[in-house]
Amino acid sequence: MAASITRSCRLVCGVCQRSQTTSLLRSLYTSNVRQISEKPPKEKENSTNSLSSLIAAAQERRSAYDELLNSEEVNFERSRRHLANMMGEDPENFTQEDINRSIKYLFPSGLFDQAARPMLSHPKDYYPPQKAAQFDNDGRPFHCLFFTGKPNYFNIMHEAGDWLHNVISKEDSMRLKGESIEGVPKLDIARSEWLDKLAMEKIVLEKLKDVEYVRLINLLERILRQPLAIEAQEFIMRFRKKIEAVLSKEIIEPLRKDETGRLYSSGSGTRKSSTATVVLRDQGSGKIMINGHEFLRTFQQVCHREEVLFPLHFANMLHRFDVDCTTEGGGPSGQAGAIRLAISKALRSFVDEPFIEKMRQAGLLTVDPRSKERKKPGQKRARKKFTWKKR
């Protein structure tokens, strides 16, 4: 009897313990639920404060940039008019070219670094542009592509896609009407090249990855491959820069005739301590004479022969000219480089300007500045050191 009472008491106590545990768990659950339900308003409040602080910081940066630009523009205008009065010219028609000419006259400088020379230009030329406000006071973005992270870049991509669609649609409509597209002029881009990544970032005012830059260039190239790419000329030329200023500074001598009536041109080149003078005579057989000796006899190594023949091979005129070279100073490597540059300069008189630009891009018209590095005192050679021993 006593054992059964004890066993029943134990069961009752176990039930009580379970009930107490259950009630404790319920109380903990309800308290956690209350805490969890109370947290979102705090987070929402924090997020609202952070968003408002970001908006205020962006507006403050933009207003500070505008104030700086306005003050610098006032100083620039005052300096421009004062400089015009100093030079005795009309301040109203005093352009940036006149400013550069006046500074070069008043402050002659022998400094080689362009950034170290005195200058006076508009503040927009040296202050990097900044984005305009991207959202209003309530945090609503102005642009539909704001949440992409790079709205200006993707806006240009969408615009390029629209131009591609319009060009293809116009070509299809012309073909359906039976109109020929052979007479449509082609877009001339021979004297221009695509902007590099840094210049493209200045246009979009956003940092671009290499993949994004390549993607944009590929899309623009696809527009150029269309027969009616001239329709998108204004849009495409926004992302290309002209390179015709490089050739405008060079003076190309006209072709002359010798006693026999053959056309010829001459050129000179340097490499290391070697100098070379070349005369190209048209209607030849491809014979090359160097200081009165045959070409193969002068240069024994294949690399030197290839360097001399590269300009003629690049122009596909190996057997058109008779080449007469005069060179002095230096060794075979320097003489071959000097002859190569001299042939390239003489070859300009026989080709048109687009091909001259191709030669420049291939490096045929650029002086090779490399030279042997001198030996340093305390060293075995120019770079090699003596063996160091601790003892």
Protein backbone atom coordinates (compact mmCIF):
# COMPACT_ATOMS: atom_id res chain seq x y z
CA MET A 1 0.00 0.00 0.00
CA ALA A 2 2.78 2.40 0.88
CA ALA A 3 4.69 1.48 -2.28
CA SER A 4 1.68 2.23 -4.50
CA ILE A 5 1.16 5.59 -2.79
CA THR A 6 4.81 6.46 -3.33
CA ARG A 7 4.62 5.40 -6.98
CA SER A 8 1.48 7.50 -7.53
CA CYS A 9 3.10 10.49 -5.87
CA ARG A 10 6.05 10.13 -8.16
CA LEU A 11 3.74 10.07 -11.18
CA VAL A 12 1.90 13.12 -9.92
CA CYS A 13 5.22 14.91 -9.34
CA GLY A 14 6.34 13.95 -12.88
CA VAL A 15 3.12 15.37 -14.31
CA CYS A 16 3.66 18.50 -12.30
CA GLN A 17 7.22 18.79 -13.53
CA ARG A 18 6.07 18.38 -17.14
CA SER A 19 3.37 20.99 -16.66
CA GLN A 20 5.84 23.39 -15.06
CA THR A 21 8.31 22.82 -17.92
CA THR A 22 5.58 23.36 -20.50
CA SER A 23 4.48 26.59 -18.87
CA LEU A 24 8.09 27.78 -18.71
CA LEU A 25 8.61 27.06 -22.41
CA ARG A 26 5.39 28.86 -23.24
CA SER A 27 6.47 31.91 -21.29
CA LEU A 28 9.89 31.93 -23.00
CA TYR A 29 8.26 31.56 -26.43
CA THR A 30 5.82 34.39 -25.82
CA SER A 31 8.63 36.65 -24.56
CA ASN A 32 10.78 35.86 -27.63
CA VAL A 33 7.83 36.51 -29.92
CA ARG A 34 7.28 39.85 -28.24
CA GLN A 35 10.96 40.74 -28.62
CA ILE A 36 10.99 39.68 -32.27
CA SER A 37 7.79 41.59 -32.97
CA GLU A 38 9.24 44.67 -31.29
CA LYS A 39 12.55 44.63 -33.27
CA PRO A 40 11.31 45.58 -36.80
CA PRO A 41 10.14 49.07 -35.81
CA LYS A 42 13.61 49.77 -34.39
CA GLU A 43 15.36 48.43 -37.51
CA LYS A 44 12.96 50.38 -39.70
CA GLU A 45 13.73 53.49 -37.73
CA ASN A 46 17.47 52.86 -38.05
CA SER A 47 17.17 52.20 -41.77
CA THR A 48 15.15 55.38 -42.20
CA ASN A 49 17.79 57.37 -40.33
CA SER A 50 20.62 55.84 -42.38
CA LEU A 51 18.78 56.56 -45.64
CA SER A 52 18.12 60.14 -44.64
CA SER A 53 21.77 60.56 -43.66
CA LEU A 54 22.90 59.18 -47.03
CA ILE A 55 20.55 61.53 -48.86
CA ALA A 56 21.76 64.48 -46.82
CA ALA A 57 25.42 63.57 -47.41
CA ALA A 58 24.89 63.22 -51.16
CA GLN A 59 23.08 66.54 -51.37
CA GLU A 60 25.78 68.20 -49.28
CA ARG A 61 28.54 66.86 -51.57
CA ARG A 62 26.69 68.02 -54.65
CA SER A 63 26.03 71.50 -53.26
CA ALA A 64 29.68 71.83 -52.19
CA TYR A 65 30.82 70.80 -55.69
CA ASP A 66 28.45 73.33 -57.32
CA GLU A 67 29.66 76.12 -55.04
CA LEU A 68 33.30 75.28 -55.76
CA LEU A 69 32.68 75.20 -59.50
CA ASN A 70 30.82 78.52 -59.45
CA SER A 71 33.58 80.26 -57.49
CA GLU A 72 36.27 78.85 -59.78
CA GLU A 73 34.33 79.96 -62.86
CA VAL A 74 34.19 83.49 -61.49
CA ASN A 75 37.96 83.47 -60.87
CA PHE A 76 38.60 82.06 -64.34
CA GLU A 77 36.49 84.71 -66.03
CA ARG A 78 38.24 87.46 -64.07
CA SER A 79 41.68 86.06 -64.98
CA ARG A 80 40.74 85.66 -68.62
CA ARG A 81 39.61 89.26 -68.97
CA HIS A 82 42.70 90.51 -67.13
CA LEU A 83 44.98 88.50 -69.40
CA ALA A 84 43.19 89.84 -72.47
CA ASN A 85 43.75 93.41 -71.25
CA MET A 86 47.44 92.66 -70.65
CA MET A 87 47.80 91.41 -74.24
CA GLY A 88 45.82 94.37 -75.62
CA GLU A 89 43.03 92.23 -77.09
CA ASP A 90 39.25 92.20 -76.83
CA PRO A 91 38.16 90.36 -73.63
CA GLU A 92 34.83 89.39 -75.16
CA ASN A 93 36.45 87.39 -77.99
CA PHE A 94 39.44 86.04 -76.06
CA THR A 95 39.32 82.24 -76.61
CA GLN A 96 41.18 79.38 -74.97
CA GLU A 97 43.66 79.29 -77.86
CA ASP A 98 44.47 82.94 -77.22
CA ILE A 99 44.95 82.14 -73.52
CA ASN A 100 47.43 79.36 -74.28
CA ARG A 101 49.31 81.54 -76.74
CA SER A 102 49.52 84.40 -74.24
CA ILE A 103 50.76 82.18 -71.42
CA LYS A 104 53.40 80.67 -73.69
CA TYR A 105 54.55 84.20 -74.56
CA LEU A 106 54.51 85.59 -71.01
CA PHE A 107 55.84 82.52 -69.19
CA PRO A 108 58.32 80.69 -71.41
CA SER A 109 59.05 77.39 -69.70
CA GLY A 110 61.58 74.68 -70.43
CA LEU A 111 59.84 72.14 -68.19
CA PHE A 112 59.27 68.83 -69.94
CA ASP A 113 56.40 67.64 -67.76
CA GLN A 114 53.12 69.04 -69.06
CA ALA A 115 51.59 69.13 -65.56
CA ALA A 116 54.41 71.41 -64.31
CA ARG A 117 53.84 74.15 -66.88
CA PRO A 118 51.67 77.22 -66.12
CA MET A 119 48.12 76.97 -67.39
CA LEU A 120 44.77 78.75 -67.33
CA SER A 121 41.72 76.81 -68.43
CA HIS A 122 38.06 76.43 -67.53
CA PRO A 123 37.41 74.68 -64.18
CA LYS A 124 35.42 71.95 -65.92
CA ASP A 125 38.61 70.90 -67.72
CA TYR A 126 40.50 69.92 -64.56
CA TYR A 127 37.78 69.33 -61.94
CA PRO A 128 36.32 65.84 -62.45
CA PRO A 129 32.57 65.96 -63.10
CA GLN A 130 30.19 64.54 -60.54
CA LYS A 131 26.82 62.93 -60.81
CA ALA A 132 23.73 65.03 -60.34
CA ALA A 133 21.28 64.22 -57.56
CA GLN A 134 20.02 60.65 -58.02
CA PHE A 135 17.00 60.88 -55.69
CA ASP A 136 14.68 63.49 -54.15
CA ASN A 137 14.35 64.53 -50.52
CA ASP A 138 12.09 61.55 -49.78
CA GLY A 139 14.59 59.05 -51.14
CA ARG A 140 12.76 58.29 -54.40
CA PRO A 141 15.22 57.76 -57.27
CA PHE A 142 14.83 59.84 -60.40
CA HIS A 143 16.13 57.21 -62.82
CA CYS A 144 14.33 53.96 -63.54
CA LEU A 145 17.70 52.12 -63.58
CA PHE A 146 18.86 53.51 -60.25
CA PHE A 147 18.83 50.15 -58.46
CA THR A 148 21.16 48.57 -61.06
CA GLY A 149 24.01 50.46 -59.39
CA LYS A 150 25.19 52.01 -62.67
CA PRO A 151 22.19 53.76 -64.25
CA ASN A 152 24.19 55.86 -66.72
CA TYR A 153 26.07 52.85 -68.09
CA PHE A 154 22.98 50.71 -68.53
CA ASN A 155 21.12 53.66 -70.04
CA ILE A 156 23.82 53.89 -72.73
CA MET A 157 23.59 50.14 -73.28
CA HIS A 158 19.81 50.40 -73.76
CA GLU A 159 20.29 53.35 -76.11
CA ALA A 160 22.85 51.40 -78.16
CA GLY A 161 20.44 48.47 -78.33
CA ASP A 162 17.69 50.79 -79.60
CA TRP A 163 20.00 52.17 -82.29
CA LEU A 164 20.93 48.65 -83.38
CA HIS A 165 17.26 47.69 -83.61
CA ASN A 166 16.41 50.84 -85.60
CA VAL A 167 19.27 50.31 -88.08
CA ILE A 168 18.33 46.68 -88.69
CA SER A 169 14.62 47.56 -89.01
CA LYS A 170 15.35 50.24 -91.59
CA GLU A 171 17.49 47.84 -93.61
CA ASP A 172 14.71 45.23 -93.56
CA SER A 173 12.11 47.78 -94.66
CA MET A 174 14.32 48.91 -97.56
CA ARG A 175 14.80 45.32 -98.70
CA LEU A 176 11.04 44.65 -98.52
CA LYS A 177 10.40 47.70 -100.68
CA GLY A 178 12.99 46.51 -103.19
CA GLU A 179 15.31 49.43 -102.56
CA SER A 180 19.05 48.87 -102.92
CA ILE A 181 21.39 49.63 -100.04
CA GLU A 182 24.50 49.62 -102.20
CA GLY A 183 24.35 53.37 -102.74
CA VAL A 184 24.17 54.20 -99.03
CA PRO A 185 27.43 55.88 -97.94
CA LYS A 186 29.58 54.04 -95.41
CA LEU A 187 30.50 55.45 -92.03
CA ASP A 188 34.12 56.66 -92.18
CA ILE A 189 35.96 55.79 -88.96
CA ALA A 190 39.45 55.36 -90.42
CA ARG A 191 40.85 58.41 -88.63
CA SER A 192 39.35 57.67 -85.23
CA GLU A 193 39.49 55.05 -82.48
CA TRP A 194 37.39 53.99 -79.51
CA LEU A 195 37.75 55.83 -76.24
CA ASP A 196 39.70 53.98 -73.60
CA LYS A 197 38.23 52.84 -70.31
CA LEU A 198 39.18 55.98 -68.35
CA ALA A 199 37.65 58.29 -70.96
CA MET A 200 34.49 56.17 -71.02
CA GLU A 201 34.22 56.43 -67.23
CA LYS A 202 34.33 60.23 -67.52
CA ILE A 203 31.35 60.09 -69.87
CA VAL A 204 29.19 57.80 -67.74
CA LEU A 205 30.52 59.22 -64.43
CA GLU A 206 30.70 55.68 -63.07
CA LYS A 207 33.43 53.12 -62.43
CA LEU A 208 33.41 50.40 -65.07
CA LYS A 209 34.78 46.90 -64.95
CA ASP A 210 36.80 45.54 -67.84
CA VAL A 211 33.97 43.18 -68.76
CA GLU A 212 31.45 46.03 -68.87
CA TYR A 213 33.73 48.17 -71.04
CA VAL A 214 34.30 45.29 -73.49
CA ARG A 215 30.56 44.58 -73.58
CA LEU A 216 29.81 48.18 -74.55
CA ILE A 217 32.51 48.25 -77.25
CA ASN A 218 31.25 44.95 -78.70
CA LEU A 219 27.73 46.35 -78.94
CA LEU A 220 29.00 49.50 -80.69
CA GLU A 221 31.08 47.35 -83.05
CA ARG A 222 27.96 45.39 -83.90
CA ILE A 223 26.25 48.63 -84.95
CA LEU A 224 29.27 49.49 -87.13
CA ARG A 225 29.01 46.17 -88.95
CA GLN A 226 25.51 47.01 -90.21
CA PRO A 227 25.20 48.34 -93.79
CA LEU A 228 23.23 51.38 -92.57
CA ALA A 229 25.52 52.27 -89.68
CA ILE A 230 25.65 55.84 -90.99
CA GLU A 231 22.21 56.35 -89.43
CA ALA A 232 23.79 56.07 -85.95
CA GLN A 233 26.82 58.23 -86.77
CA GLU A 234 26.13 60.89 -84.15
CA PHE A 235 25.66 58.28 -81.42
CA ILE A 236 28.76 56.25 -82.37
CA MET A 237 31.09 59.23 -82.67
CA ARG A 238 30.33 60.13 -79.05
CA PHE A 239 32.53 57.21 -78.05
CA ARG A 240 35.35 57.68 -80.57
CA LYS A 241 38.21 60.18 -80.66
CA LYS A 242 39.96 61.56 -83.70
CA ILE A 243 43.64 60.79 -84.30
CA GLU A 244 44.25 63.00 -87.30
CA ALA A 245 46.16 65.57 -85.23
CA VAL A 246 49.19 63.26 -85.11
CA LEU A 247 49.75 63.39 -88.87
CA SER A 248 48.94 67.07 -89.22
CA LYS A 249 52.25 67.97 -87.51
CA GLU A 250 54.33 65.86 -89.90
CA ILE A 251 55.61 67.26 -93.18
CA ILE A 252 55.66 64.64 -95.95
CA GLU A 253 57.89 65.51 -98.87
CA PRO A 254 56.35 65.15 -102.34
CA LEU A 255 57.66 62.67 -104.88
CA ARG A 256 60.54 63.78 -107.09
CA LYS A 257 61.97 62.54 -110.38
CA ASP A 258 65.57 61.65 -111.14
CA GLU A 259 67.45 61.99 -114.45
CA THR A 260 65.80 58.90 -115.90
CA GLY A 261 62.29 60.03 -114.95
CA ARG A 262 61.82 57.55 -112.11
CA LEU A 263 59.94 58.68 -109.01
CA TYR A 264 61.87 58.60 -105.77
CA SER A 265 61.65 59.77 -102.17
CA SER A 266 64.11 59.93 -99.29
CA GLY A 267 63.97 59.53 -95.54
CA SER A 268 66.27 59.45 -92.54
CA GLY A 269 66.20 57.58 -89.26
CA THR A 270 68.15 57.03 -86.05
CA ARG A 271 68.52 54.15 -83.60
CA LYS A 272 70.93 54.14 -80.64
CA SER A 273 74.11 55.77 -82.04
CA SER A 274 73.35 54.80 -85.68
CA THR A 275 72.01 57.09 -88.39
CA ALA A 276 70.68 56.09 -91.80
CA THR A 277 69.55 57.80 -95.00
CA VAL A 278 67.43 55.92 -97.53
CA VAL A 279 66.36 56.64 -101.11
CA LEU A 280 63.41 54.66 -102.51
CA ARG A 281 63.24 54.52 -106.32
CA ASP A 282 60.02 53.41 -107.93
CA GLN A 283 59.79 50.83 -110.76
CA GLY A 284 62.60 48.76 -109.27
CA SER A 285 63.26 45.07 -108.75
CA GLY A 286 63.50 44.90 -104.97
CA LYS A 287 67.29 45.31 -104.83
CA ILE A 288 68.62 46.68 -101.52
CA MET A 289 72.11 48.19 -101.31
CA ILE A 290 73.63 49.28 -97.99
CA ASN A 291 76.79 51.42 -98.16
CA GLY A 292 77.47 50.01 -101.62
CA HIS A 293 77.19 46.38 -100.52
CA GLU A 294 74.42 43.86 -100.92
CA PHE A 295 71.76 43.57 -98.24
CA LEU A 296 72.47 39.93 -97.34
CA ARG A 297 76.18 40.60 -97.06
CA THR A 298 75.75 43.47 -94.61
CA PHE A 299 73.36 41.76 -92.16
CA GLN A 300 74.19 38.18 -91.28
CA GLN A 301 71.46 37.58 -88.68
CA VAL A 302 67.88 36.88 -89.73
CA CYS A 303 66.36 39.20 -87.13
CA HIS A 304 68.21 42.21 -88.60
CA ARG A 305 67.12 41.30 -92.13
CA GLU A 306 63.50 40.98 -91.06
CA GLU A 307 63.65 44.36 -89.33
CA VAL A 308 64.86 46.07 -92.50
CA LEU A 309 62.29 44.37 -94.73
CA PHE A 310 59.33 44.82 -92.39
CA PRO A 311 58.13 48.25 -93.71
CA LEU A 312 58.11 47.03 -97.33
CA HIS A 313 56.42 43.78 -96.33
CA PHE A 314 53.82 45.70 -94.31
CA ALA A 315 52.99 47.80 -97.39
CA ASN A 316 53.10 44.73 -99.68
CA MET A 317 55.76 46.42 -101.87
CA LEU A 318 58.78 44.14 -101.48
CA HIS A 319 59.64 44.00 -105.19
CA ARG A 320 58.51 47.46 -106.25
CA PHE A 321 61.43 49.66 -105.13
CA ASP A 322 65.17 49.80 -105.41
CA VAL A 323 66.51 50.79 -101.99
CA ASP A 324 69.79 52.65 -101.60
CA CYS A 325 70.87 53.02 -97.95
CA THR A 326 73.69 54.93 -96.32
CA THR A 327 74.32 54.22 -92.65
CA GLU A 328 77.03 54.94 -90.14
CA GLY A 329 77.73 54.49 -86.44
CA GLY A 330 76.66 51.78 -84.05
CA GLY A 331 76.37 48.08 -84.68
CA PRO A 332 74.10 45.82 -86.72
CA SER A 333 71.11 46.18 -84.39
CA GLY A 334 71.24 49.98 -84.36
CA GLN A 335 71.83 50.22 -88.09
CA ALA A 336 68.92 47.87 -88.86
CA GLY A 337 66.58 49.95 -86.67
CA ALA A 338 67.73 53.20 -88.27
CA ILE A 339 67.24 51.80 -91.79
CA ARG A 340 63.78 50.54 -90.88
CA LEU A 341 62.70 54.00 -89.68
CA ALA A 342 64.25 55.69 -92.73
CA ILE A 343 62.45 53.32 -95.15
CA SER A 344 59.16 53.91 -93.34
CA LYS A 345 59.52 57.70 -93.63
CA ALA A 346 60.44 57.49 -97.30
CA LEU A 347 57.50 55.17 -97.94
CA ARG A 348 54.98 57.79 -96.81
CA SER A 349 55.26 59.62 -100.13
CA PHE A 350 53.96 56.57 -102.02
CA VAL A 351 50.88 55.78 -99.89
CA ASP A 352 47.74 57.62 -98.80
CA GLU A 353 47.00 59.10 -95.38
CA PRO A 354 44.86 56.22 -94.02
CA PHE A 355 47.74 53.82 -94.68
CA ILE A 356 50.19 56.24 -93.04
CA GLU A 357 48.01 56.10 -89.93
CA LYS A 358 48.16 52.29 -90.04
CA MET A 359 51.95 52.52 -90.24
CA ARG A 360 52.00 54.83 -87.24
CA GLN A 361 49.80 52.45 -85.23
CA ALA A 362 52.14 49.58 -86.16
CA GLY A 363 55.08 51.54 -84.72
CA LEU A 364 56.91 52.05 -88.01
CA LEU A 365 57.08 55.84 -87.67
CA THR A 366 58.16 55.92 -84.01
CA VAL A 367 61.78 56.25 -82.96
CA ASP A 368 62.85 53.30 -80.81
CA PRO A 369 64.22 54.90 -77.61
CA ARG A 370 65.74 51.71 -76.20
CA SER A 371 69.48 51.56 -75.70
CA LYS A 372 71.99 49.46 -73.79
CA GLU A 373 71.98 50.19 -70.08
CA ARG A 374 75.32 51.32 -68.75
CA LYS A 375 77.38 49.45 -66.21
CA LYS A 376 77.21 50.72 -62.63
CA PRO A 377 80.20 51.05 -60.33
CA GLY A 378 80.34 48.37 -57.67
CA GLN A 379 78.42 45.94 -59.88
CA LYS A 380 79.54 43.24 -62.27
CA ARG A 381 77.39 44.52 -65.14
CA ALA A 382 74.42 46.84 -65.63
CA ARG A 383 72.12 44.73 -63.47
CA LYS A 384 74.22 41.78 -62.29
CA LYS A 385 75.89 42.06 -58.89
CA PHE A 386 78.97 40.43 -57.46
CA THR A 387 78.49 37.33 -55.37
CA TRP A 388 77.87 38.33 -51.77
CA LYS A 389 79.51 36.31 -49.02
CA LYS A 390 78.95 36.80 -45.36
CA ARG A 391 82.55 35.84 -44.50
